[in-house]
Amino acid sequence: MTELWMVVLTGVVGLRLSLIDLAEHRLPNRLTIPLFFSLVLVTGVGGDGDSFRGAALGSVVTGLVFLGLAVMPGRPLGMGDVKLQFGLGWMLGYFALPLAILGAAGSFVVGGLSVIPTLWRNRGGGTDPVPLGPWMMVSTCLVLVGAESLKII
């Protein structure tokens, strides 16, 4: 039941965050921070100790990588992306640490692929901002669905 609550919570809040990021190029604290703490609460109440440790490790590892990227010169990521990644890393890490890492890396792959059509038509420049939040959600969904599908096979 814990897994279901985490997926539904992340999906609902993540969809709203994605729409905001596409429209305004920002991920507001009023949604990213409560998402993280809600996931921690759900995991603490319904999860076991090993899954809780995996969630914490997935959150810290992927979140710190995103934080490192956010403070680089040129600021390639915003702090909203970092806060969202702490939550997404928590959820995927709950299932398995490699899933959290794959989800974080996949965000950049999917986000990079999303700009190819714009670049192909020469309508965008290499410095145009790309909202990463929606692609973080897409990557998280793909990783989770892929991992669950492999359990069936």
N, C-alpha and C. Protein backbone atom coordinates (compact mmCIF):
# COMPACT_ATOMS: atom_id res chain seq x y z
N MET A 1 0.81 -1.19 0.00
CA MET A 1 0.00 0.00 0.00
C MET A 1 0.86 1.27 0.00
N THR A 2 2.03 1.18 0.64
CA THR A 2 2.95 2.32 0.68
C THR A 2 3.37 2.72 -0.72
N GLU A 3 3.68 1.73 -1.54
CA GLU A 3 4.12 2.01 -2.91
C GLU A 3 3.02 2.73 -3.69
N LEU A 4 1.80 2.29 -3.52
CA LEU A 4 0.68 2.91 -4.23
C LEU A 4 0.53 4.38 -3.82
N TRP A 5 0.57 4.65 -2.52
CA TRP A 5 0.45 6.03 -2.05
C TRP A 5 1.57 6.91 -2.59
N MET A 6 2.78 6.37 -2.61
CA MET A 6 3.91 7.14 -3.10
C MET A 6 3.76 7.47 -4.59
N VAL A 7 3.35 6.48 -5.36
CA VAL A 7 3.20 6.68 -6.80
C VAL A 7 2.07 7.66 -7.11
N VAL A 8 0.95 7.51 -6.44
CA VAL A 8 -0.19 8.42 -6.67
C VAL A 8 0.18 9.84 -6.25
N LEU A 9 0.77 9.99 -5.09
CA LEU A 9 1.17 11.31 -4.59
C LEU A 9 2.16 11.97 -5.54
N THR A 10 3.16 11.24 -5.95
CA THR A 10 4.16 11.78 -6.88
C THR A 10 3.54 12.10 -8.23
N GLY A 11 2.65 11.25 -8.70
CA GLY A 11 2.02 11.49 -9.99
C GLY A 11 1.14 12.73 -10.01
N VAL A 12 0.34 12.90 -8.98
CA VAL A 12 -0.57 14.04 -8.92
C VAL A 12 0.21 15.35 -8.78
N VAL A 13 1.12 15.38 -7.81
CA VAL A 13 1.90 16.61 -7.59
C VAL A 13 2.86 16.83 -8.76
N GLY A 14 3.44 15.76 -9.28
CA GLY A 14 4.37 15.89 -10.40
C GLY A 14 3.72 16.41 -11.66
N LEU A 15 2.48 16.02 -11.91
CA LEU A 15 1.77 16.54 -13.07
C LEU A 15 1.56 18.04 -12.93
N ARG A 16 1.14 18.47 -11.76
CA ARG A 16 0.95 19.91 -11.51
C ARG A 16 2.27 20.67 -11.65
N LEU A 17 3.33 20.12 -11.10
CA LEU A 17 4.64 20.76 -11.21
C LEU A 17 5.10 20.84 -12.67
N SER A 18 4.84 19.80 -13.42
CA SER A 18 5.23 19.80 -14.84
C SER A 18 4.53 20.89 -15.61
N LEU A 19 3.23 21.05 -15.36
CA LEU A 19 2.47 22.10 -16.05
C LEU A 19 2.98 23.49 -15.67
N ILE A 20 3.29 23.70 -14.41
CA ILE A 20 3.84 24.98 -13.98
C ILE A 20 5.19 25.24 -14.62
N ASP A 21 6.04 24.20 -14.64
CA ASP A 21 7.38 24.37 -15.21
C ASP A 21 7.33 24.66 -16.71
N LEU A 22 6.43 24.03 -17.42
CA LEU A 22 6.29 24.31 -18.85
C LEU A 22 5.82 25.74 -19.10
N ALA A 23 4.94 26.23 -18.25
CA ALA A 23 4.38 27.57 -18.43
C ALA A 23 5.30 28.66 -17.91
N GLU A 24 5.95 28.43 -16.77
CA GLU A 24 6.67 29.51 -16.10
C GLU A 24 8.16 29.27 -15.91
N HIS A 25 8.66 28.10 -16.28
CA HIS A 25 10.07 27.73 -16.09
C HIS A 25 10.49 27.84 -14.62
N ARG A 26 9.63 27.33 -13.74
CA ARG A 26 9.99 27.28 -12.32
C ARG A 26 9.20 26.15 -11.66
N LEU A 27 9.76 25.64 -10.58
CA LEU A 27 9.11 24.61 -9.78
C LEU A 27 8.96 25.18 -8.37
N PRO A 28 7.75 25.57 -7.98
CA PRO A 28 7.57 26.30 -6.72
C PRO A 28 7.77 25.43 -5.47
N ASN A 29 8.34 26.09 -4.46
CA ASN A 29 8.56 25.44 -3.16
C ASN A 29 7.27 24.94 -2.54
N ARG A 30 6.17 25.62 -2.79
CA ARG A 30 4.90 25.24 -2.16
C ARG A 30 4.45 23.84 -2.58
N LEU A 31 5.06 23.29 -3.63
CA LEU A 31 4.72 21.93 -4.05
C LEU A 31 5.90 20.97 -3.90
N THR A 32 7.13 21.40 -4.21
CA THR A 32 8.27 20.48 -4.17
C THR A 32 8.61 20.05 -2.74
N ILE A 33 8.60 20.99 -1.81
CA ILE A 33 8.96 20.65 -0.43
C ILE A 33 7.90 19.78 0.24
N PRO A 34 6.61 20.12 0.14
CA PRO A 34 5.60 19.21 0.72
C PRO A 34 5.60 17.82 0.08
N LEU A 35 5.91 17.74 -1.21
CA LEU A 35 5.99 16.43 -1.86
C LEU A 35 7.05 15.58 -1.18
N PHE A 36 8.23 16.16 -0.98
CA PHE A 36 9.32 15.41 -0.35
C PHE A 36 8.92 14.94 1.05
N PHE A 37 8.44 15.86 1.87
CA PHE A 37 8.10 15.48 3.24
C PHE A 37 6.92 14.52 3.30
N SER A 38 6.00 14.61 2.37
CA SER A 38 4.89 13.65 2.32
C SER A 38 5.39 12.26 1.98
N LEU A 39 6.34 12.18 1.05
CA LEU A 39 6.92 10.88 0.70
C LEU A 39 7.67 10.28 1.88
N VAL A 40 8.40 11.12 2.61
CA VAL A 40 9.11 10.65 3.80
C VAL A 40 8.11 10.12 4.83
N LEU A 41 7.03 10.84 5.04
CA LEU A 41 6.00 10.44 6.01
C LEU A 41 5.35 9.12 5.61
N VAL A 42 4.96 9.01 4.36
CA VAL A 42 4.32 7.78 3.88
C VAL A 42 5.28 6.60 4.04
N THR A 43 6.54 6.80 3.72
CA THR A 43 7.52 5.73 3.84
C THR A 43 7.77 5.38 5.30
N GLY A 44 7.83 6.40 6.16
CA GLY A 44 8.08 6.16 7.57
C GLY A 44 6.94 5.41 8.24
N VAL A 45 5.71 5.68 7.82
CA VAL A 45 4.55 5.04 8.42
C VAL A 45 4.35 3.62 7.88
N GLY A 46 4.47 3.46 6.57
CA GLY A 46 4.12 2.17 5.98
C GLY A 46 5.26 1.33 5.46
N GLY A 47 6.46 1.88 5.40
CA GLY A 47 7.57 1.14 4.81
C GLY A 47 8.38 0.37 5.84
N ASP A 48 9.29 -0.47 5.34
CA ASP A 48 10.19 -1.19 6.24
C ASP A 48 11.53 -0.46 6.31
N GLY A 49 12.38 -0.90 7.19
CA GLY A 49 13.65 -0.22 7.44
C GLY A 49 14.58 -0.21 6.24
N ASP A 50 14.69 -1.33 5.54
CA ASP A 50 15.59 -1.39 4.39
C ASP A 50 15.13 -0.47 3.26
N SER A 51 13.85 -0.46 3.01
CA SER A 51 13.31 0.42 1.97
C SER A 51 13.47 1.88 2.35
N PHE A 52 13.32 2.19 3.64
CA PHE A 52 13.49 3.56 4.11
C PHE A 52 14.93 4.01 3.90
N ARG A 53 15.88 3.13 4.22
CA ARG A 53 17.30 3.47 4.00
C ARG A 53 17.60 3.64 2.51
N GLY A 54 17.03 2.78 1.66
CA GLY A 54 17.22 2.90 0.22
C GLY A 54 16.64 4.21 -0.30
N ALA A 55 15.48 4.60 0.22
CA ALA A 55 14.85 5.86 -0.19
C ALA A 55 15.73 7.04 0.21
N ALA A 56 16.23 7.01 1.45
CA ALA A 56 17.08 8.11 1.92
C ALA A 56 18.36 8.19 1.10
N LEU A 57 18.95 7.05 0.81
CA LEU A 57 20.18 7.04 0.02
C LEU A 57 19.93 7.52 -1.41
N GLY A 58 18.85 7.06 -2.01
CA GLY A 58 18.50 7.50 -3.37
C GLY A 58 18.26 8.99 -3.43
N SER A 59 17.61 9.51 -2.41
CA SER A 59 17.33 10.95 -2.35
C SER A 59 18.61 11.76 -2.20
N VAL A 60 19.45 11.34 -1.27
CA VAL A 60 20.68 12.09 -1.00
C VAL A 60 21.65 12.03 -2.18
N VAL A 61 21.86 10.85 -2.71
CA VAL A 61 22.82 10.70 -3.82
C VAL A 61 22.39 11.51 -5.04
N THR A 62 21.16 11.32 -5.48
CA THR A 62 20.73 12.02 -6.70
C THR A 62 20.51 13.50 -6.44
N GLY A 63 19.99 13.83 -5.26
CA GLY A 63 19.76 15.24 -4.93
C GLY A 63 21.05 16.04 -4.85
N LEU A 64 22.10 15.44 -4.28
CA LEU A 64 23.38 16.14 -4.19
C LEU A 64 24.03 16.31 -5.56
N VAL A 65 23.85 15.35 -6.43
CA VAL A 65 24.37 15.51 -7.80
C VAL A 65 23.66 16.68 -8.48
N PHE A 66 22.36 16.74 -8.34
CA PHE A 66 21.61 17.86 -8.92
C PHE A 66 22.01 19.18 -8.27
N LEU A 67 22.25 19.18 -6.98
CA LEU A 67 22.69 20.39 -6.29
C LEU A 67 24.05 20.84 -6.82
N GLY A 68 24.93 19.88 -7.03
CA GLY A 68 26.24 20.22 -7.61
C GLY A 68 26.10 20.85 -8.98
N LEU A 69 25.19 20.34 -9.79
CA LEU A 69 24.97 20.92 -11.11
C LEU A 69 24.33 22.31 -11.00
N ALA A 70 23.48 22.51 -10.00
CA ALA A 70 22.79 23.79 -9.85
C ALA A 70 23.72 24.92 -9.45
N VAL A 71 24.82 24.60 -8.77
CA VAL A 71 25.73 25.65 -8.33
C VAL A 71 26.92 25.83 -9.28
N MET A 72 26.94 25.09 -10.36
CA MET A 72 28.00 25.26 -11.36
C MET A 72 27.87 26.62 -12.03
N PRO A 73 28.97 27.12 -12.57
CA PRO A 73 28.88 28.39 -13.32
C PRO A 73 27.87 28.26 -14.47
N GLY A 74 27.11 29.29 -14.66
CA GLY A 74 26.07 29.27 -15.69
C GLY A 74 24.76 28.70 -15.19
N ARG A 75 24.76 28.12 -14.00
CA ARG A 75 23.56 27.56 -13.36
C ARG A 75 22.69 26.75 -14.35
N PRO A 76 23.19 25.59 -14.77
CA PRO A 76 22.43 24.79 -15.73
C PRO A 76 21.12 24.23 -15.18
N LEU A 77 20.99 24.17 -13.86
CA LEU A 77 19.75 23.70 -13.24
C LEU A 77 19.28 24.73 -12.23
N GLY A 78 17.98 24.77 -12.02
CA GLY A 78 17.43 25.63 -10.98
C GLY A 78 17.29 24.86 -9.68
N MET A 79 17.11 25.59 -8.61
CA MET A 79 16.96 24.95 -7.30
C MET A 79 15.64 24.19 -7.20
N GLY A 80 14.64 24.56 -7.98
CA GLY A 80 13.39 23.80 -8.00
C GLY A 80 13.62 22.39 -8.53
N ASP A 81 14.48 22.27 -9.54
CA ASP A 81 14.83 20.95 -10.06
C ASP A 81 15.51 20.11 -8.98
N VAL A 82 16.37 20.76 -8.21
CA VAL A 82 17.08 20.06 -7.15
C VAL A 82 16.09 19.54 -6.11
N LYS A 83 15.17 20.40 -5.67
CA LYS A 83 14.20 20.00 -4.64
C LYS A 83 13.28 18.89 -5.16
N LEU A 84 12.88 18.98 -6.42
CA LEU A 84 12.05 17.93 -7.00
C LEU A 84 12.83 16.62 -7.05
N GLN A 85 14.12 16.69 -7.38
CA GLN A 85 14.92 15.47 -7.47
C GLN A 85 15.07 14.79 -6.11
N PHE A 86 15.15 15.56 -5.04
CA PHE A 86 15.20 14.92 -3.72
C PHE A 86 13.95 14.07 -3.50
N GLY A 87 12.79 14.55 -3.91
CA GLY A 87 11.56 13.78 -3.78
C GLY A 87 11.52 12.58 -4.71
N LEU A 88 11.86 12.80 -5.98
CA LEU A 88 11.83 11.70 -6.94
C LEU A 88 12.88 10.64 -6.59
N GLY A 89 14.04 11.09 -6.14
CA GLY A 89 15.08 10.16 -5.70
C GLY A 89 14.62 9.33 -4.51
N TRP A 90 13.84 9.97 -3.61
CA TRP A 90 13.30 9.25 -2.46
C TRP A 90 12.35 8.15 -2.93
N MET A 91 11.44 8.50 -3.82
CA MET A 91 10.47 7.52 -4.27
C MET A 91 11.14 6.35 -5.01
N LEU A 92 12.00 6.66 -5.97
CA LEU A 92 12.65 5.59 -6.73
C LEU A 92 13.62 4.80 -5.86
N GLY A 93 14.32 5.49 -4.95
CA GLY A 93 15.23 4.80 -4.04
C GLY A 93 14.51 3.84 -3.11
N TYR A 94 13.26 4.12 -2.81
CA TYR A 94 12.45 3.21 -1.99
C TYR A 94 12.35 1.85 -2.67
N PHE A 95 12.22 1.86 -3.99
CA PHE A 95 12.14 0.60 -4.73
C PHE A 95 13.51 -0.04 -4.89
N ALA A 96 14.52 0.76 -5.26
CA ALA A 96 15.90 0.29 -5.38
C ALA A 96 16.80 1.47 -5.73
N LEU A 97 17.98 1.53 -5.13
CA LEU A 97 18.90 2.64 -5.37
C LEU A 97 19.25 2.79 -6.85
N PRO A 98 19.52 1.70 -7.59
CA PRO A 98 19.83 1.88 -9.01
C PRO A 98 18.71 2.57 -9.80
N LEU A 99 17.46 2.38 -9.36
CA LEU A 99 16.35 3.04 -10.05
C LEU A 99 16.41 4.54 -9.86
N ALA A 100 16.81 4.99 -8.67
CA ALA A 100 16.93 6.43 -8.41
C ALA A 100 18.01 7.03 -9.30
N ILE A 101 19.12 6.34 -9.42
CA ILE A 101 20.22 6.84 -10.26
C ILE A 101 19.81 6.83 -11.73
N LEU A 102 19.16 5.77 -12.16
CA LEU A 102 18.70 5.68 -13.54
C LEU A 102 17.66 6.76 -13.84
N GLY A 103 16.77 7.02 -12.91
CA GLY A 103 15.76 8.06 -13.10
C GLY A 103 16.39 9.44 -13.23
N ALA A 104 17.39 9.73 -12.40
CA ALA A 104 18.05 11.03 -12.46
C ALA A 104 18.81 11.19 -13.78
N ALA A 105 19.54 10.18 -14.17
CA ALA A 105 20.28 10.25 -15.43
C ALA A 105 19.33 10.31 -16.63
N GLY A 106 18.26 9.56 -16.55
CA GLY A 106 17.28 9.55 -17.63
C GLY A 106 16.62 10.90 -17.84
N SER A 107 16.54 11.71 -16.79
CA SER A 107 15.96 13.05 -16.92
C SER A 107 16.71 13.86 -17.97
N PHE A 108 18.02 13.76 -17.96
CA PHE A 108 18.83 14.52 -18.91
C PHE A 108 18.75 13.94 -20.31
N VAL A 109 18.64 12.62 -20.39
CA VAL A 109 18.52 11.97 -21.70
C VAL A 109 17.19 12.36 -22.35
N VAL A 110 16.10 12.21 -21.62
CA VAL A 110 14.78 12.54 -22.16
C VAL A 110 14.67 14.03 -22.44
N GLY A 111 15.18 14.86 -21.52
CA GLY A 111 15.16 16.31 -21.73
C GLY A 111 15.98 16.71 -22.94
N GLY A 112 17.12 16.07 -23.12
CA GLY A 112 17.95 16.36 -24.29
C GLY A 112 17.29 15.95 -25.59
N LEU A 113 16.64 14.79 -25.56
CA LEU A 113 15.93 14.34 -26.76
C LEU A 113 14.76 15.25 -27.10
N SER A 114 14.18 15.87 -26.09
CA SER A 114 13.01 16.72 -26.32
C SER A 114 13.34 17.98 -27.11
N VAL A 115 14.59 18.42 -27.08
CA VAL A 115 14.94 19.66 -27.78
C VAL A 115 15.42 19.42 -29.21
N ILE A 116 15.59 18.18 -29.59
CA ILE A 116 16.08 17.87 -30.95
C ILE A 116 15.17 18.45 -32.03
N PRO A 117 13.85 18.28 -31.95
CA PRO A 117 13.01 18.86 -33.01
C PRO A 117 13.16 20.38 -33.14
N THR A 118 13.28 21.07 -32.01
CA THR A 118 13.44 22.52 -32.04
C THR A 118 14.77 22.90 -32.69
N LEU A 119 15.81 22.21 -32.32
CA LEU A 119 17.12 22.49 -32.90
C LEU A 119 17.15 22.12 -34.39
N TRP A 120 16.45 21.06 -34.73
CA TRP A 120 16.41 20.61 -36.12
C TRP A 120 15.79 21.67 -37.02
N ARG A 121 14.77 22.34 -36.53
CA ARG A 121 14.10 23.37 -37.31
C ARG A 121 14.78 24.73 -37.19
N ASN A 122 15.90 24.77 -36.46
CA ASN A 122 16.67 26.01 -36.25
C ASN A 122 15.85 27.11 -35.60
N ARG A 123 14.91 26.73 -34.77
CA ARG A 123 14.08 27.73 -34.11
C ARG A 123 14.57 28.01 -32.70
N GLY A 124 15.51 27.28 -32.24
CA GLY A 124 16.02 27.49 -30.90
C GLY A 124 17.52 27.56 -30.91
N GLY A 125 18.04 28.21 -29.93
CA GLY A 125 19.47 28.30 -29.80
C GLY A 125 19.96 27.34 -28.73
N GLY A 126 21.25 27.14 -28.67
CA GLY A 126 21.83 26.24 -27.69
C GLY A 126 21.72 26.76 -26.27
N THR A 127 21.37 28.02 -26.11
CA THR A 127 21.27 28.59 -24.76
C THR A 127 19.83 28.79 -24.32
N ASP A 128 18.86 28.40 -25.13
CA ASP A 128 17.46 28.53 -24.72
C ASP A 128 17.18 27.62 -23.53
N PRO A 129 16.45 28.11 -22.52
CA PRO A 129 16.18 27.28 -21.34
C PRO A 129 15.22 26.14 -21.67
N VAL A 130 15.46 25.02 -21.05
CA VAL A 130 14.61 23.84 -21.21
C VAL A 130 14.04 23.51 -19.83
N PRO A 131 12.72 23.51 -19.67
CA PRO A 131 12.17 23.13 -18.37
C PRO A 131 12.43 21.64 -18.12
N LEU A 132 13.19 21.34 -17.09
CA LEU A 132 13.58 19.95 -16.84
C LEU A 132 12.54 19.17 -16.03
N GLY A 133 11.72 19.87 -15.26
CA GLY A 133 10.74 19.20 -14.40
C GLY A 133 9.87 18.18 -15.11
N PRO A 134 9.26 18.53 -16.24
CA PRO A 134 8.43 17.53 -16.93
C PRO A 134 9.22 16.31 -17.37
N TRP A 135 10.46 16.52 -17.78
CA TRP A 135 11.27 15.39 -18.23
C TRP A 135 11.76 14.56 -17.07
N MET A 136 11.90 15.17 -15.90
CA MET A 136 12.21 14.41 -14.70
C MET A 136 11.05 13.47 -14.37
N MET A 137 9.83 13.97 -14.53
CA MET A 137 8.65 13.14 -14.28
C MET A 137 8.52 12.01 -15.32
N VAL A 138 8.79 12.34 -16.58
CA VAL A 138 8.74 11.32 -17.63
C VAL A 138 9.75 10.22 -17.34
N SER A 139 10.96 10.61 -17.00
CA SER A 139 12.00 9.63 -16.71
C SER A 139 11.62 8.77 -15.51
N THR A 140 11.09 9.39 -14.47
CA THR A 140 10.67 8.65 -13.28
C THR A 140 9.59 7.62 -13.65
N CYS A 141 8.63 8.04 -14.44
CA CYS A 141 7.56 7.12 -14.86
C CYS A 141 8.12 5.97 -15.69
N LEU A 142 9.00 6.29 -16.63
CA LEU A 142 9.58 5.25 -17.48
C LEU A 142 10.38 4.24 -16.67
N VAL A 143 11.17 4.73 -15.73
CA VAL A 143 11.97 3.84 -14.89
C VAL A 143 11.08 2.95 -14.03
N LEU A 144 10.07 3.54 -13.44
CA LEU A 144 9.18 2.78 -12.57
C LEU A 144 8.38 1.74 -13.36
N VAL A 145 7.83 2.14 -14.50
CA VAL A 145 7.06 1.21 -15.32
C VAL A 145 7.99 0.11 -15.85
N GLY A 146 9.19 0.48 -16.28
CA GLY A 146 10.15 -0.51 -16.76
C GLY A 146 10.54 -1.51 -15.68
N ALA A 147 10.79 -1.03 -14.48
CA ALA A 147 11.17 -1.91 -13.39
C ALA A 147 10.04 -2.86 -13.01
N GLU A 148 8.82 -2.34 -12.97
CA GLU A 148 7.68 -3.18 -12.63
C GLU A 148 7.38 -4.17 -13.75
N SER A 149 7.61 -3.78 -15.00
CA SER A 149 7.37 -4.68 -16.12
C SER A 149 8.36 -5.84 -16.10
N LEU A 150 9.60 -5.57 -15.68
CA LEU A 150 10.58 -6.64 -15.62
C LEU A 150 10.23 -7.69 -14.56
N LYS A 151 9.47 -7.28 -13.54
CA LYS A 151 9.02 -8.25 -12.53
C LYS A 151 8.03 -9.25 -13.12
N ILE A 152 7.29 -8.82 -14.14
CA ILE A 152 6.28 -9.69 -14.75
C ILE A 152 6.94 -10.74 -15.63
N ILE A 153 8.00 -10.32 -16.30
CA ILE A 153 8.65 -11.22 -17.28
C ILE A 153 9.37 -12.33 -16.61
